[in-house]
Each structure stands twice: as structure tokens, then as C-alpha cells.
Amino acid sequence: MDAVPVPVTEEARNMEKYMESLPTQIREMVEKLRSVTKACMPGAYEFLYHDAINYKLPESPGTWICYVSPQRNYVRLGFYFGNHLDDPMNLLEGTGKRMRHV
């Protein structure tokens, strides 16, 4: 029996174009963070917003969890409610009311 092809969505095409636009070293870091994020949150919805890859869970439509934001020389992994995370090694940066990043 032949496999049924899965239709490629516009969102997936946009993500693919976005990833291709990144420099090789940055793209590799982003791909690694995407795989870790997807492994930790298998049901998360991945989408592009403000030149970052964002994640939210389908059951909480208004709550974004984290983002992967490529910069010129590094990649930022951010948490929308990072101020609530335990951080015994003080790895999280940020001074805002709720967002933190590494």
C-alpha cells in the first residue's frame, strides 16, 4: 500500500524558507533547539512571530510557552513566564516582570 502524502501547509513552507535564510552556524543551533523543544513538548504548536520561532500548547490558546530567536552571532531561547522557573544556577537573564532567556 502506498503512503498517503501529507499536505504541506503555508506555515510549514514559511518555516522552511525562514530556516533556509539563516546562516549555517545559526541554523544548526536553531535546529538543535527546535528538536529539544519538540521533544520536551510533543504537542506544542510551532509558529513564526517577530522573526522568532514560538511555541504554545493547543489546550491553552492564549499562553505562549517559549521562543527560539536567532540573532546575528547567537541564538536566544526565551521563556514567556521565565520568572516562575526555578533557576538555582542563575542561568536565566532578564529583568522584566515575567520573561527570561538564555
N, C-alpha and C. Protein backbone atom coordinates (compact mmCIF):
# COMPACT_ATOMS: atom_id res chain seq x y z
N MET A 1 0.84 -1.17 0.00
CA MET A 1 0.00 0.00 0.00
C MET A 1 0.89 1.24 0.00
N ASP A 2 0.58 2.20 -0.86
CA ASP A 2 1.35 3.43 -0.95
C ASP A 2 1.03 4.37 0.21
N ALA A 3 2.04 5.08 0.65
CA ALA A 3 1.83 6.05 1.72
C ALA A 3 1.07 7.26 1.17
N VAL A 4 0.18 7.77 1.98
CA VAL A 4 -0.58 8.96 1.60
C VAL A 4 0.28 10.18 1.89
N PRO A 5 0.50 11.04 0.88
CA PRO A 5 1.33 12.22 1.13
C PRO A 5 0.65 13.19 2.08
N VAL A 6 1.43 13.74 2.99
CA VAL A 6 0.91 14.71 3.95
C VAL A 6 1.00 16.09 3.29
N PRO A 7 -0.11 16.83 3.24
CA PRO A 7 -0.05 18.14 2.61
C PRO A 7 0.85 19.11 3.39
N VAL A 8 1.61 19.90 2.68
CA VAL A 8 2.49 20.88 3.31
C VAL A 8 1.71 22.18 3.46
N THR A 9 1.63 22.66 4.68
CA THR A 9 0.88 23.88 4.96
C THR A 9 1.70 25.11 4.63
N GLU A 10 1.03 26.23 4.51
CA GLU A 10 1.71 27.50 4.27
C GLU A 10 2.66 27.83 5.42
N GLU A 11 2.22 27.53 6.64
CA GLU A 11 3.07 27.75 7.82
C GLU A 11 4.36 26.95 7.72
N ALA A 12 4.27 25.69 7.28
CA ALA A 12 5.46 24.85 7.13
C ALA A 12 6.38 25.38 6.05
N ARG A 13 5.80 25.86 4.95
CA ARG A 13 6.62 26.45 3.88
C ARG A 13 7.33 27.71 4.38
N ASN A 14 6.61 28.53 5.14
CA ASN A 14 7.22 29.74 5.69
C ASN A 14 8.36 29.40 6.64
N MET A 15 8.16 28.36 7.46
CA MET A 15 9.20 27.94 8.41
C MET A 15 10.43 27.46 7.63
N GLU A 16 10.20 26.70 6.58
CA GLU A 16 11.30 26.18 5.77
C GLU A 16 12.09 27.34 5.14
N LYS A 17 11.39 28.31 4.57
CA LYS A 17 12.06 29.48 3.99
C LYS A 17 12.83 30.26 5.05
N TYR A 18 12.22 30.40 6.21
CA TYR A 18 12.87 31.12 7.31
C TYR A 18 14.17 30.41 7.70
N MET A 19 14.12 29.11 7.86
CA MET A 19 15.30 28.35 8.25
C MET A 19 16.38 28.45 7.18
N GLU A 20 16.00 28.40 5.92
CA GLU A 20 16.98 28.50 4.83
C GLU A 20 17.65 29.86 4.79
N SER A 21 16.98 30.88 5.30
CA SER A 21 17.53 32.24 5.26
C SER A 21 18.60 32.48 6.33
N LEU A 22 18.69 31.57 7.29
CA LEU A 22 19.65 31.75 8.39
C LEU A 22 21.05 31.30 7.99
N PRO A 23 22.09 31.97 8.50
CA PRO A 23 23.46 31.49 8.27
C PRO A 23 23.61 30.07 8.83
N THR A 24 24.49 29.31 8.24
CA THR A 24 24.65 27.89 8.58
C THR A 24 24.84 27.64 10.07
N GLN A 25 25.77 28.34 10.70
CA GLN A 25 26.07 28.11 12.12
C GLN A 25 24.85 28.43 12.99
N ILE A 26 24.16 29.51 12.69
CA ILE A 26 22.96 29.88 13.45
C ILE A 26 21.85 28.87 13.19
N ARG A 27 21.67 28.46 11.94
CA ARG A 27 20.64 27.47 11.59
C ARG A 27 20.85 26.17 12.36
N GLU A 28 22.08 25.73 12.50
CA GLU A 28 22.37 24.50 13.23
C GLU A 28 21.95 24.61 14.69
N MET A 29 22.23 25.77 15.29
CA MET A 29 21.83 25.98 16.69
C MET A 29 20.30 26.02 16.81
N VAL A 30 19.64 26.68 15.87
CA VAL A 30 18.18 26.76 15.89
C VAL A 30 17.57 25.37 15.73
N GLU A 31 18.10 24.58 14.81
CA GLU A 31 17.58 23.23 14.60
C GLU A 31 17.73 22.38 15.86
N LYS A 32 18.84 22.51 16.54
CA LYS A 32 19.06 21.76 17.78
C LYS A 32 18.04 22.19 18.85
N LEU A 33 17.85 23.48 19.01
CA LEU A 33 16.87 23.98 19.99
C LEU A 33 15.45 23.57 19.61
N ARG A 34 15.13 23.58 18.33
CA ARG A 34 13.80 23.13 17.89
C ARG A 34 13.59 21.66 18.24
N SER A 35 14.60 20.83 18.04
CA SER A 35 14.44 19.40 18.34
C SER A 35 14.28 19.18 19.85
N VAL A 36 15.02 19.92 20.66
CA VAL A 36 14.89 19.80 22.11
C VAL A 36 13.50 20.26 22.55
N THR A 37 13.06 21.38 22.02
CA THR A 37 11.75 21.93 22.37
C THR A 37 10.63 20.97 21.99
N LYS A 38 10.71 20.43 20.79
CA LYS A 38 9.67 19.49 20.34
C LYS A 38 9.68 18.20 21.17
N ALA A 39 10.86 17.76 21.60
CA ALA A 39 10.95 16.55 22.42
C ALA A 39 10.35 16.80 23.81
N CYS A 40 10.53 18.01 24.34
CA CYS A 40 10.01 18.34 25.67
C CYS A 40 8.52 18.66 25.65
N MET A 41 8.03 19.13 24.52
CA MET A 41 6.61 19.50 24.40
C MET A 41 6.06 18.93 23.08
N PRO A 42 5.86 17.61 23.01
CA PRO A 42 5.48 17.00 21.74
C PRO A 42 4.17 17.52 21.15
N GLY A 43 3.28 18.05 21.94
CA GLY A 43 2.02 18.55 21.42
C GLY A 43 2.00 20.04 21.14
N ALA A 44 3.15 20.69 21.26
CA ALA A 44 3.20 22.15 21.11
C ALA A 44 3.02 22.56 19.66
N TYR A 45 2.41 23.71 19.48
CA TYR A 45 2.22 24.31 18.17
C TYR A 45 3.38 25.26 17.92
N GLU A 46 4.05 25.10 16.79
CA GLU A 46 5.22 25.91 16.43
C GLU A 46 4.80 26.92 15.36
N PHE A 47 5.17 28.20 15.57
CA PHE A 47 4.80 29.22 14.60
C PHE A 47 5.80 30.37 14.62
N LEU A 48 5.86 31.08 13.52
CA LEU A 48 6.75 32.24 13.40
C LEU A 48 6.02 33.49 13.84
N TYR A 49 6.72 34.32 14.62
CA TYR A 49 6.19 35.61 15.04
C TYR A 49 7.36 36.51 15.40
N HIS A 50 7.45 37.66 14.80
CA HIS A 50 8.52 38.63 15.04
C HIS A 50 9.91 38.01 14.87
N ASP A 51 10.13 37.32 13.76
CA ASP A 51 11.43 36.71 13.45
C ASP A 51 11.93 35.77 14.53
N ALA A 52 11.01 35.09 15.19
CA ALA A 52 11.36 34.07 16.18
C ALA A 52 10.41 32.89 16.00
N ILE A 53 10.87 31.73 16.40
CA ILE A 53 10.03 30.53 16.37
C ILE A 53 9.43 30.41 17.76
N ASN A 54 8.12 30.47 17.82
CA ASN A 54 7.39 30.48 19.09
C ASN A 54 6.66 29.15 19.28
N TYR A 55 6.37 28.85 20.55
CA TYR A 55 5.68 27.61 20.89
C TYR A 55 4.56 27.89 21.88
N LYS A 56 3.43 27.26 21.62
CA LYS A 56 2.32 27.30 22.57
C LYS A 56 1.62 25.95 22.53
N LEU A 57 0.91 25.65 23.60
CA LEU A 57 0.18 24.39 23.67
C LEU A 57 -1.24 24.60 23.17
N PRO A 58 -1.78 23.64 22.44
CA PRO A 58 -3.10 23.82 21.85
C PRO A 58 -4.21 24.01 22.89
N GLU A 59 -4.09 23.40 24.05
CA GLU A 59 -5.15 23.48 25.05
C GLU A 59 -5.16 24.81 25.81
N SER A 60 -4.11 25.62 25.64
CA SER A 60 -4.09 26.94 26.28
C SER A 60 -3.79 27.98 25.20
N PRO A 61 -4.80 28.37 24.43
CA PRO A 61 -4.57 29.20 23.24
C PRO A 61 -3.93 30.56 23.51
N GLY A 62 -4.12 31.14 24.65
CA GLY A 62 -3.55 32.45 24.92
C GLY A 62 -2.21 32.42 25.60
N THR A 63 -1.69 31.24 25.88
CA THR A 63 -0.46 31.14 26.66
C THR A 63 0.68 30.63 25.79
N TRP A 64 1.60 31.51 25.51
CA TRP A 64 2.80 31.11 24.79
C TRP A 64 3.82 30.63 25.80
N ILE A 65 4.56 29.58 25.44
CA ILE A 65 5.48 28.94 26.38
C ILE A 65 6.90 29.48 26.24
N CYS A 66 7.45 29.35 25.03
CA CYS A 66 8.84 29.75 24.82
C CYS A 66 9.07 30.15 23.37
N TYR A 67 10.28 30.63 23.09
CA TYR A 67 10.63 31.01 21.73
C TYR A 67 12.11 30.77 21.48
N VAL A 68 12.45 30.59 20.21
CA VAL A 68 13.83 30.47 19.76
C VAL A 68 14.06 31.65 18.83
N SER A 69 14.99 32.52 19.21
CA SER A 69 15.20 33.77 18.48
C SER A 69 16.63 33.87 17.97
N PRO A 70 16.84 33.62 16.67
CA PRO A 70 18.18 33.77 16.11
C PRO A 70 18.62 35.22 16.10
N GLN A 71 19.84 35.47 16.52
CA GLN A 71 20.44 36.79 16.48
C GLN A 71 21.63 36.72 15.52
N ARG A 72 22.36 37.78 15.41
CA ARG A 72 23.47 37.80 14.46
C ARG A 72 24.55 36.77 14.80
N ASN A 73 24.93 36.68 16.08
CA ASN A 73 26.04 35.80 16.48
C ASN A 73 25.66 34.74 17.50
N TYR A 74 24.41 34.63 17.84
CA TYR A 74 23.97 33.66 18.84
C TYR A 74 22.48 33.40 18.66
N VAL A 75 21.97 32.47 19.43
CA VAL A 75 20.54 32.15 19.40
C VAL A 75 20.02 32.24 20.83
N ARG A 76 18.92 32.93 21.00
CA ARG A 76 18.31 33.11 22.32
C ARG A 76 17.15 32.12 22.47
N LEU A 77 17.11 31.44 23.60
CA LEU A 77 15.97 30.62 23.99
C LEU A 77 15.28 31.36 25.11
N GLY A 78 14.05 31.77 24.88
CA GLY A 78 13.33 32.58 25.85
C GLY A 78 12.09 31.90 26.37
N PHE A 79 11.71 32.29 27.57
CA PHE A 79 10.53 31.73 28.24
C PHE A 79 9.60 32.88 28.62
N TYR A 80 8.36 32.80 28.15
CA TYR A 80 7.41 33.88 28.39
C TYR A 80 7.07 34.07 29.87
N PHE A 81 7.12 32.99 30.64
CA PHE A 81 6.87 33.09 32.08
C PHE A 81 8.10 32.59 32.85
N GLY A 82 9.27 33.00 32.38
CA GLY A 82 10.53 32.56 32.95
C GLY A 82 10.75 32.98 34.38
N ASN A 83 10.06 34.03 34.82
CA ASN A 83 10.21 34.46 36.21
C ASN A 83 9.65 33.42 37.18
N HIS A 84 8.85 32.47 36.69
CA HIS A 84 8.29 31.42 37.54
C HIS A 84 9.15 30.15 37.55
N LEU A 85 10.21 30.12 36.75
CA LEU A 85 11.05 28.92 36.66
C LEU A 85 12.10 28.92 37.76
N ASP A 86 12.36 27.72 38.30
CA ASP A 86 13.48 27.57 39.25
C ASP A 86 14.77 27.75 38.46
N ASP A 87 15.67 28.51 38.99
CA ASP A 87 16.94 28.79 38.31
C ASP A 87 18.07 28.80 39.33
N PRO A 88 18.38 27.64 39.95
CA PRO A 88 19.39 27.61 41.01
C PRO A 88 20.79 27.99 40.54
N MET A 89 21.08 27.84 39.24
CA MET A 89 22.41 28.18 38.73
C MET A 89 22.44 29.59 38.12
N ASN A 90 21.33 30.31 38.24
CA ASN A 90 21.24 31.69 37.72
C ASN A 90 21.63 31.80 36.24
N LEU A 91 21.08 30.89 35.44
CA LEU A 91 21.36 30.90 34.01
C LEU A 91 20.43 31.83 33.24
N LEU A 92 19.24 32.07 33.78
CA LEU A 92 18.26 32.89 33.08
C LEU A 92 18.60 34.37 33.22
N GLU A 93 18.47 35.07 32.11
CA GLU A 93 18.72 36.51 32.10
C GLU A 93 17.42 37.26 31.86
N GLY A 94 17.39 38.49 32.26
CA GLY A 94 16.23 39.34 32.05
C GLY A 94 15.77 39.95 33.35
N THR A 95 15.22 41.15 33.24
CA THR A 95 14.79 41.87 34.44
C THR A 95 13.33 42.28 34.36
N GLY A 96 12.63 41.89 33.31
CA GLY A 96 11.23 42.25 33.15
C GLY A 96 10.34 41.54 34.15
N LYS A 97 9.05 41.82 34.08
CA LYS A 97 8.10 41.25 35.01
C LYS A 97 7.96 39.73 34.88
N ARG A 98 8.12 39.18 33.66
CA ARG A 98 7.89 37.75 33.52
C ARG A 98 8.82 37.03 32.56
N MET A 99 9.35 37.66 31.53
CA MET A 99 10.15 36.96 30.52
C MET A 99 11.61 36.80 30.96
N ARG A 100 12.16 35.64 30.61
CA ARG A 100 13.58 35.35 30.87
C ARG A 100 14.12 34.61 29.65
N HIS A 101 15.44 34.63 29.49
CA HIS A 101 16.06 33.95 28.36
C HIS A 101 17.48 33.48 28.70
N VAL A 102 17.99 32.57 27.87
CA VAL A 102 19.39 32.13 27.94
C VAL A 102 19.97 32.27 26.54
